[in-house]
Amino acid sequence: MKKAVVTVVGKDAVGIIAAICNYLAKNSINILDISQTIVDGYFNMMMIVDFSQCEKQLSFISDELRDVGETRGVIVHCQSEEIFEMMHRI
């Protein structure tokens, strides 16, 4: 399984979750875990996703998700779970 951490932050608006989830579904990326909150009008979401069925490289997925986020007025980051695993090993 190839996992990634997707974070979405920005001013709350209608359709943010739909836009991100539609991209993931169209690219065969499965959401394993999701947490979302709104604090004082600001949207914050974190997902753990499995991109092992996706034919695209993670760097390309990350770029495309960033573009999806820009269309919705939010900042999206997608990083390999391995980065976080390595940080805890040091």
Protein backbone atom coordinates (compact mmCIF):
# COMPACT_ATOMS: atom_id res chain seq x y z
CA MET A 1 0.00 0.00 0.00
CA LYS A 2 1.30 3.45 -0.92
CA LYS A 3 -0.03 6.04 1.52
CA ALA A 4 0.03 9.82 1.43
CA VAL A 5 -1.08 12.61 3.76
CA VAL A 6 -3.30 15.26 2.16
CA THR A 7 -3.91 18.53 4.00
CA VAL A 8 -6.34 21.25 2.95
CA VAL A 9 -6.44 24.68 4.61
CA GLY A 10 -8.24 27.91 3.74
CA LYS A 11 -11.30 30.07 4.13
CA ASP A 12 -14.42 27.90 4.33
CA ALA A 13 -16.58 27.71 1.21
CA VAL A 14 -19.12 25.38 -0.35
CA GLY A 15 -17.67 22.51 -2.40
CA ILE A 16 -14.15 22.13 -0.99
CA ILE A 17 -14.61 18.53 0.15
CA ALA A 18 -16.49 17.64 -3.04
CA ALA A 19 -13.73 19.02 -5.29
CA ILE A 20 -10.94 17.17 -3.47
CA CYS A 21 -12.89 13.90 -3.15
CA ASN A 22 -13.96 13.99 -6.81
CA TYR A 23 -10.32 14.31 -7.88
CA LEU A 24 -9.33 11.40 -5.63
CA ALA A 25 -12.15 9.17 -6.89
CA LYS A 26 -11.42 9.93 -10.56
CA ASN A 27 -7.81 8.89 -9.99
CA SER A 28 -8.54 5.65 -8.05
CA ILE A 29 -7.16 7.10 -4.82
CA ASN A 30 -8.86 5.64 -1.75
CA ILE A 31 -9.49 7.69 1.39
CA LEU A 32 -8.42 5.62 4.40
CA ASP A 33 -9.02 8.23 7.10
CA ILE A 34 -10.35 11.77 7.13
CA SER A 35 -10.63 14.55 9.67
CA GLN A 36 -12.22 17.91 8.94
CA THR A 37 -13.01 20.95 11.04
CA ILE A 38 -13.94 24.59 10.66
CA VAL A 39 -12.47 27.06 13.14
CA ASP A 40 -13.63 30.68 13.05
CA GLY A 41 -14.52 30.39 9.35
CA TYR A 42 -11.34 28.58 8.31
CA PHE A 43 -11.52 25.10 6.83
CA ASN A 44 -8.97 22.45 7.82
CA MET A 45 -8.93 18.87 6.55
CA MET A 46 -6.41 16.07 6.79
CA MET A 47 -6.68 12.76 4.96
CA ILE A 48 -4.67 9.59 4.79
CA VAL A 49 -5.05 8.17 1.29
CA ASP A 50 -3.91 5.05 -0.54
CA PHE A 51 -2.68 5.87 -4.04
CA SER A 52 -1.38 2.39 -4.94
CA GLN A 53 -4.14 1.95 -7.58
CA CYS A 54 -3.41 5.32 -9.18
CA GLU A 55 -1.28 5.28 -12.33
CA LYS A 56 0.20 8.72 -11.62
CA GLN A 57 3.33 9.50 -9.63
CA LEU A 58 2.83 11.16 -6.24
CA SER A 59 4.54 14.37 -7.40
CA PHE A 60 2.02 14.69 -10.24
CA ILE A 61 -0.91 13.95 -7.88
CA SER A 62 0.41 16.61 -5.52
CA ASP A 63 0.62 19.20 -8.30
CA GLU A 64 -2.88 18.41 -9.54
CA LEU A 65 -4.35 18.55 -6.04
CA ARG A 66 -2.66 21.92 -5.52
CA ASP A 67 -4.37 23.13 -8.70
CA VAL A 68 -7.75 21.78 -7.55
CA GLY A 69 -7.27 23.62 -4.27
CA GLU A 70 -6.45 26.88 -6.04
CA THR A 71 -9.75 26.70 -7.94
CA ARG A 72 -11.54 26.43 -4.56
CA GLY A 73 -9.44 29.08 -2.79
CA VAL A 74 -7.61 26.68 -0.45
CA ILE A 75 -4.06 25.40 -0.06
CA VAL A 76 -3.60 21.66 -0.62
CA HIS A 77 -0.46 19.68 0.23
CA CYS A 78 0.06 16.01 -0.55
CA GLN A 79 3.09 14.25 0.91
CA SER A 80 4.21 10.66 1.13
CA GLU A 81 3.52 9.01 4.47
CA GLU A 82 7.15 7.86 4.39
CA ILE A 83 8.28 11.43 5.18
CA PHE A 84 6.41 11.33 8.48
CA GLU A 85 7.62 7.81 9.28
CA MET A 86 11.25 8.84 8.74
CA MET A 87 10.84 11.92 10.96
CA HIS A 88 9.86 9.67 13.87
CA ARG A 89 12.82 7.34 13.34
CA ILE A 90 15.41 10.07 13.74
